[in-house]
PDB file of N, CA and C in Angstrom:
ATOM      1  N   MET A   1     133.483 -25.407-106.181  1.00  0.00           N
ATOM      2  CA  MET A   1     132.294 -25.557-107.002  1.00  0.00           C
ATOM      3  C   MET A   1     132.442 -26.794-107.867  1.00  0.00           C
ATOM      4  N   GLU A   2     131.382 -27.504-108.047  1.00  0.00           N
ATOM      5  CA  GLU A   2     131.405 -28.715-108.852  1.00  0.00           C
ATOM      6  C   GLU A   2     131.234 -28.344-110.319  1.00  0.00           C
ATOM      7  N   SER A   3     132.340 -28.256-111.039  1.00  0.00           N
ATOM      8  CA  SER A   3     132.265 -27.803-112.431  1.00  0.00           C
ATOM      9  C   SER A   3     131.932 -28.938-113.388  1.00  0.00           C
ATOM     10  N   GLY A   4     132.249 -30.179-113.030  1.00  0.00           N
ATOM     11  CA  GLY A   4     131.959 -31.312-113.910  1.00  0.00           C
ATOM     12  C   GLY A   4     130.475 -31.452-114.231  1.00  0.00           C
ATOM     13  N   PRO A   5     129.604 -31.538-113.217  1.00  0.00           N
ATOM     14  CA  PRO A   5     128.175 -31.635-113.499  1.00  0.00           C
ATOM     15  C   PRO A   5     127.613 -30.403-114.206  1.00  0.00           C
ATOM     16  N   ALA A   6     128.154 -29.225-113.905  1.00  0.00           N
ATOM     17  CA  ALA A   6     127.672 -28.010-114.568  1.00  0.00           C
ATOM     18  C   ALA A   6     128.021 -28.019-116.047  1.00  0.00           C
ATOM     19  N   ILE A   7     129.194 -28.523-116.394  1.00  0.00           N
ATOM     20  CA  ILE A   7     129.594 -28.599-117.799  1.00  0.00           C
ATOM     21  C   ILE A   7     128.709 -29.598-118.550  1.00  0.00           C
ATOM     22  N   ILE A   8     128.469 -30.739-117.939  1.00  0.00           N
ATOM     23  CA  ILE A   8     127.624 -31.754-118.586  1.00  0.00           C
ATOM     24  C   ILE A   8     126.204 -31.244-118.750  1.00  0.00           C
ATOM     25  N   THR A   9     125.655 -30.656-117.701  1.00  0.00           N
ATOM     26  CA  THR A   9     124.293 -30.135-117.767  1.00  0.00           C
ATOM     27  C   THR A   9     124.171 -29.013-118.785  1.00  0.00           C
ATOM     28  N   GLY A  10     125.116 -28.103-118.785  1.00  0.00           N
ATOM     29  CA  GLY A  10     125.102 -27.013-119.755  1.00  0.00           C
ATOM     30  C   GLY A  10     125.193 -27.509-121.180  1.00  0.00           C
ATOM     31  N   THR A  11     126.026 -28.512-121.403  1.00  0.00           N
ATOM     32  CA  THR A  11     126.162 -29.093-122.741  1.00  0.00           C
ATOM     33  C   THR A  11     124.874 -29.742-123.193  1.00  0.00           C
ATOM     34  N   VAL A  12     124.224 -30.475-122.305  1.00  0.00           N
ATOM     35  CA  VAL A  12     122.955 -31.129-122.653  1.00  0.00           C
ATOM     36  C   VAL A  12     121.891 -30.094-122.985  1.00  0.00           C
ATOM     37  N   PHE A  13     121.783 -29.056-122.179  1.00  0.00           N
ATOM     38  CA  PHE A  13     120.795 -28.009-122.447  1.00  0.00           C
ATOM     39  C   PHE A  13     121.051 -27.322-123.788  1.00  0.00           C
ATOM     40  N   VAL A  14     122.306 -26.987-124.065  1.00  0.00           N
ATOM     41  CA  VAL A  14     122.635 -26.294-125.314  1.00  0.00           C
ATOM     42  C   VAL A  14     122.388 -27.197-126.521  1.00  0.00           C
ATOM     43  N   LEU A  15     122.788 -28.452-126.436  1.00  0.00           N
ATOM     44  CA  LEU A  15     122.560 -29.378-127.551  1.00  0.00           C
ATOM     45  C   LEU A  15     121.068 -29.587-127.804  1.00  0.00           C
ATOM     46  N   PHE A  16     120.288 -29.743-126.736  1.00  0.00           N
ATOM     47  CA  PHE A  16     118.850 -29.912-126.901  1.00  0.00           C
ATOM     48  C   PHE A  16     118.220 -28.665-127.501  1.00  0.00           C
ATOM     49  N   GLY A  17     118.606 -27.493-127.015  1.00  0.00           N
ATOM     50  CA  GLY A  17     118.054 -26.250-127.540  1.00  0.00           C
ATOM     51  C   GLY A  17     118.388 -26.044-129.009  1.00  0.00           C
ATOM     52  N   CYS A  18     119.627 -26.328-129.391  1.00  0.00           N
ATOM     53  CA  CYS A  18     120.020 -26.201-130.799  1.00  0.00           C
ATOM     54  C   CYS A  18     119.274 -27.192-131.676  1.00  0.00           C
ATOM     55  N   ALA A  19     119.150 -28.427-131.216  1.00  0.00           N
ATOM     56  CA  ALA A  19     118.449 -29.448-131.992  1.00  0.00           C
ATOM     57  C   ALA A  19     116.971 -29.094-132.153  1.00  0.00           C
ATOM     58  N   LEU A  20     116.332 -28.639-131.079  1.00  0.00           N
ATOM     59  CA  LEU A  20     114.919 -28.285-131.161  1.00  0.00           C
ATOM     60  C   LEU A  20     114.697 -27.079-132.055  1.00  0.00           C
ATOM     61  N   LEU A  21     115.556 -26.095-131.968  1.00  0.00           N
ATOM     62  CA  LEU A  21     115.429 -24.909-132.814  1.00  0.00           C
ATOM     63  C   LEU A  21     115.658 -25.262-134.284  1.00  0.00           C
ATOM     64  N   THR A  22     116.636 -26.105-134.566  1.00  0.00           N
ATOM     65  CA  THR A  22     116.900 -26.538-135.937  1.00  0.00           C
ATOM     66  C   THR A  22     115.738 -27.356-136.490  1.00  0.00           C
ATOM     67  N   TRP A  23     115.209 -28.263-135.673  1.00  0.00           N
ATOM     68  CA  TRP A  23     114.093 -29.100-136.101  1.00  0.00           C
ATOM     69  C   TRP A  23     112.853 -28.250-136.379  1.00  0.00           C
ATOM     70  N   THR A  24     112.574 -27.301-135.519  1.00  0.00           N
ATOM     71  CA  THR A  24     111.414 -26.430-135.705  1.00  0.00           C
ATOM     72  C   THR A  24     111.563 -25.598-136.977  1.00  0.00           C
ATOM     73  N   ALA A  25     112.739 -25.024-137.179  1.00  0.00           N
ATOM     74  CA  ALA A  25     112.965 -24.216-138.383  1.00  0.00           C
ATOM     75  C   ALA A  25     112.854 -25.057-139.649  1.00  0.00           C
ATOM     76  N   THR A  26     113.361 -26.283-139.612  1.00  0.00           N
ATOM     77  CA  THR A  26     113.275 -27.165-140.778  1.00  0.00           C
ATOM     78  C   THR A  26     111.830 -27.528-141.089  1.00  0.00           C
ATOM     79  N   ARG A  27     111.056 -27.840-140.064  1.00  0.00           N
ATOM     80  CA  ARG A  27     109.641 -28.180-140.276  1.00  0.00           C
ATOM     81  C   ARG A  27     108.881 -26.986-140.852  1.00  0.00           C
ATOM     82  N   LEU A  28     109.149 -25.806-140.362  1.00  0.00           N
ATOM     83  CA  LEU A  28     108.468 -24.618-140.874  1.00  0.00           C
ATOM     84  C   LEU A  28     108.895 -24.314-142.305  1.00  0.00           C
ATOM     85  N   TYR A  29     110.170 -24.485-142.612  1.00  0.00           N
ATOM     86  CA  TYR A  29     110.675 -24.221-143.962  1.00  0.00           C
ATOM     87  C   TYR A  29     110.029 -25.162-144.984  1.00  0.00           C
ATOM     88  N   ARG A  30     109.838 -26.397-144.583  1.00  0.00           N
ATOM     89  CA  ARG A  30     109.225 -27.382-145.475  1.00  0.00           C
ATOM     90  C   ARG A  30     107.702 -27.269-145.523  1.00  0.00           C
ATOM     91  N   GLY A  31     107.133 -26.486-144.662  1.00  0.00           N
ATOM     92  CA  GLY A  31     105.683 -26.320-144.626  1.00  0.00           C
ATOM     93  C   GLY A  31     104.973 -27.453-143.914  1.00  0.00           C
ATOM     94  N   GLU A  32     105.683 -28.220-143.143  1.00  0.00           N
ATOM     95  CA  GLU A  32     105.118 -29.339-142.398  1.00  0.00           C
ATOM     96  C   GLU A  32     104.721 -28.871-141.002  1.00  0.00           C
ATOM     97  N   PRO A  33     103.764 -29.553-140.384  1.00  0.00           N
ATOM     98  CA  PRO A  33     103.362 -29.145-139.033  1.00  0.00           C
ATOM     99  C   PRO A  33     104.449 -29.472-138.008  1.00  0.00           C
ATOM    100  N   VAL A  34     104.563 -28.634-137.014  1.00  0.00           N
ATOM    101  CA  VAL A  34     105.522 -28.868-135.938  1.00  0.00           C
ATOM    102  C   VAL A  34     104.963 -29.894-134.970  1.00  0.00           C
ATOM    103  N   ALA A  35     103.661 -29.846-134.717  1.00  0.00           N
ATOM    104  CA  ALA A  35     102.975 -30.822-133.867  1.00  0.00           C
ATOM    105  C   ALA A  35     101.638 -31.160-134.513  1.00  0.00           C
ATOM    106  N   ASP A  36     101.257 -32.427-134.439  1.00  0.00           N
ATOM    107  CA  ASP A  36      99.992 -32.859-135.036  1.00  0.00           C
ATOM    108  C   ASP A  36      98.800 -32.362-134.227  1.00  0.00           C
ATOM    109  N   GLY A  37      97.806 -31.872-134.933  1.00  0.00           N
ATOM    110  CA  GLY A  37      96.566 -31.464-134.291  1.00  0.00           C
ATOM    111  C   GLY A  37      96.606 -30.117-133.608  1.00  0.00           C
ATOM    112  N   VAL A  38      97.669 -29.351-133.824  1.00  0.00           N
ATOM    113  CA  VAL A  38      97.808 -28.045-133.177  1.00  0.00           C
ATOM    114  C   VAL A  38      98.085 -27.012-134.264  1.00  0.00           C
ATOM    115  N   SER A  39      97.675 -25.792-134.037  1.00  0.00           N
ATOM    116  CA  SER A  39      97.947 -24.710-134.972  1.00  0.00           C
ATOM    117  C   SER A  39      99.445 -24.593-135.244  1.00  0.00           C
ATOM    118  N   ARG A  40      99.792 -24.322-136.500  1.00  0.00           N
ATOM    119  CA  ARG A  40     101.211 -24.184-136.861  1.00  0.00           C
ATOM    120  C   ARG A  40     101.885 -23.062-136.094  1.00  0.00           C
ATOM    121  N   ILE A  41     101.178 -21.954-135.951  1.00  0.00           N
ATOM    122  CA  ILE A  41     101.760 -20.799-135.260  1.00  0.00           C
ATOM    123  C   ILE A  41     101.964 -21.096-133.775  1.00  0.00           C
ATOM    124  N   ALA A  42     100.956 -21.701-133.158  1.00  0.00           N
ATOM    125  CA  ALA A  42     101.052 -21.999-131.723  1.00  0.00           C
ATOM    126  C   ALA A  42     102.146 -23.021-131.434  1.00  0.00           C
ATOM    127  N   SER A  43     102.215 -24.076-132.236  1.00  0.00           N
ATOM    128  CA  SER A  43     103.223 -25.108-131.982  1.00  0.00           C
ATOM    129  C   SER A  43     104.630 -24.595-132.271  1.00  0.00           C
ATOM    130  N   ALA A  44     104.781 -23.787-133.315  1.00  0.00           N
ATOM    131  CA  ALA A  44     106.100 -23.231-133.623  1.00  0.00           C
ATOM    132  C   ALA A  44     106.543 -22.254-132.536  1.00  0.00           C
ATOM    133  N   THR A  45     105.616 -21.467-132.043  1.00  0.00           N
ATOM    134  CA  THR A  45     105.938 -20.514-130.979  1.00  0.00           C
ATOM    135  C   THR A  45     106.347 -21.240-129.704  1.00  0.00           C
ATOM    136  N   LEU A  46     105.582 -22.237-129.320  1.00  0.00           N
ATOM    137  CA  LEU A  46     105.885 -22.980-128.093  1.00  0.00           C
ATOM    138  C   LEU A  46     107.218 -23.725-128.213  1.00  0.00           C
ATOM    139  N   ALA A  47     107.461 -24.353-129.363  1.00  0.00           N
ATOM    140  CA  ALA A  47     108.722 -25.068-129.563  1.00  0.00           C
ATOM    141  C   ALA A  47     109.902 -24.095-129.563  1.00  0.00           C
ATOM    142  N   SER A  48     109.732 -22.937-130.176  1.00  0.00           N
ATOM    143  CA  SER A  48     110.807 -21.943-130.199  1.00  0.00           C
ATOM    144  C   SER A  48     111.087 -21.400-128.800  1.00  0.00           C
ATOM    145  N   LEU A  49     110.043 -21.162-128.037  1.00  0.00           N
ATOM    146  CA  LEU A  49     110.231 -20.685-126.660  1.00  0.00           C
ATOM    147  C   LEU A  49     110.937 -21.734-125.806  1.00  0.00           C
ATOM    148  N   ALA A  50     110.589 -22.996-125.986  1.00  0.00           N
ATOM    149  CA  ALA A  50     111.258 -24.066-125.240  1.00  0.00           C
ATOM    150  C   ALA A  50     112.725 -24.162-125.640  1.00  0.00           C
ATOM    151  N   ALA A  51     113.015 -23.991-126.927  1.00  0.00           N
ATOM    152  CA  ALA A  51     114.404 -24.038-127.394  1.00  0.00           C
ATOM    153  C   ALA A  51     115.212 -22.882-126.827  1.00  0.00           C
ATOM    154  N   VAL A  52     114.641 -21.701-126.846  1.00  0.00           N
ATOM    155  CA  VAL A  52     115.346 -20.525-126.312  1.00  0.00           C
ATOM    156  C   VAL A  52     115.542 -20.659-124.799  1.00  0.00           C
ATOM    157  N   ALA A  53     114.554 -21.190-124.105  1.00  0.00           N
ATOM    158  CA  ALA A  53     114.689 -21.400-122.661  1.00  0.00           C
ATOM    159  C   ALA A  53     115.786 -22.414-122.361  1.00  0.00           C
ATOM    160  N   SER A  54     115.874 -23.463-123.167  1.00  0.00           N
ATOM    161  CA  SER A  54     116.923 -24.453-122.992  1.00  0.00           C
ATOM    162  C   SER A  54     118.301 -23.860-123.261  1.00  0.00           C
ATOM    163  N   LEU A  55     118.408 -23.046-124.307  1.00  0.00           N
ATOM    164  CA  LEU A  55     119.681 -22.373-124.586  1.00  0.00           C
ATOM    165  C   LEU A  55     120.058 -21.415-123.457  1.00  0.00           C
ATOM    166  N   ALA A  56     119.073 -20.726-122.907  1.00  0.00           N
ATOM    167  CA  ALA A  56     119.340 -19.814-121.792  1.00  0.00           C
ATOM    168  C   ALA A  56     119.794 -20.583-120.553  1.00  0.00           C
ATOM    169  N   ALA A  57     119.186 -21.730-120.289  1.00  0.00           N
ATOM    170  CA  ALA A  57     119.588 -22.547-119.138  1.00  0.00           C
ATOM    171  C   ALA A  57     121.011 -23.074-119.324  1.00  0.00           C
ATOM    172  N   GLY A  58     121.339 -23.493-120.538  1.00  0.00           N
ATOM    173  CA  GLY A  58     122.697 -23.955-120.807  1.00  0.00           C
ATOM    174  C   GLY A  58     123.714 -22.844-120.654  1.00  0.00           C
ATOM    175  N   THR A  59     123.376 -21.670-121.138  1.00  0.00           N
ATOM    176  CA  THR A  59     124.269 -20.518-120.995  1.00  0.00           C
ATOM    177  C   THR A  59     124.452 -20.166-119.529  1.00  0.00           C
ATOM    178  N   TRP A  60     123.381 -20.224-118.768  1.00  0.00           N
ATOM    179  CA  TRP A  60     123.462 -19.935-117.338  1.00  0.00           C
ATOM    180  C   TRP A  60     124.384 -20.935-116.634  1.00  0.00           C
ATOM    181  N   CYS A  61     124.292 -22.220-117.019  1.00  0.00           N
ATOM    182  CA  CYS A  61     125.168 -23.220-116.424  1.00  0.00           C
ATOM    183  C   CYS A  61     126.634 -22.931-116.722  1.00  0.00           C
ATOM    184  N   PHE A  62     126.936 -22.500-117.938  1.00  0.00           N
ATOM    185  CA  PHE A  62     128.318 -22.194-118.308  1.00  0.00           C
ATOM    186  C   PHE A  62     128.817 -20.921-117.628  1.00  0.00           C
ATOM    187  N   VAL A  63     127.930 -19.960-117.425  1.00  0.00           N
ATOM    188  CA  VAL A  63     128.331 -18.708-116.781  1.00  0.00           C
ATOM    189  C   VAL A  63     128.634 -18.950-115.301  1.00  0.00           C
ATOM    190  N   ARG A  64     127.962 -19.903-114.696  1.00  0.00           N
ATOM    191  CA  ARG A  64     128.146 -20.187-113.272  1.00  0.00           C
ATOM    192  C   ARG A  64     129.468 -20.879-112.966  1.00  0.00           C
ATOM    193  N   LEU A  65     130.191 -21.316-113.995  1.00  0.00           N
ATOM    194  CA  LEU A  65     131.486 -21.967-113.753  1.00  0.00           C
ATOM    195  C   LEU A  65     132.411 -20.950-113.200  1.00  0.00           C
TER     196      LEU A  65
END
């Protein structure tokens, strides 16, 4: 099994998911919009779902090693 690409891919997914989740939480804490021109609830929900999906993909890559 090619573990090198799986480790790199998993790391990228986890880092992106953590960064997106942190950014979304910070924007909500400050009361700033997550995306311009979109409802705060809808944009926060979509960003959170994308972050969780990215974290799940990264976890899946690490489990497959």
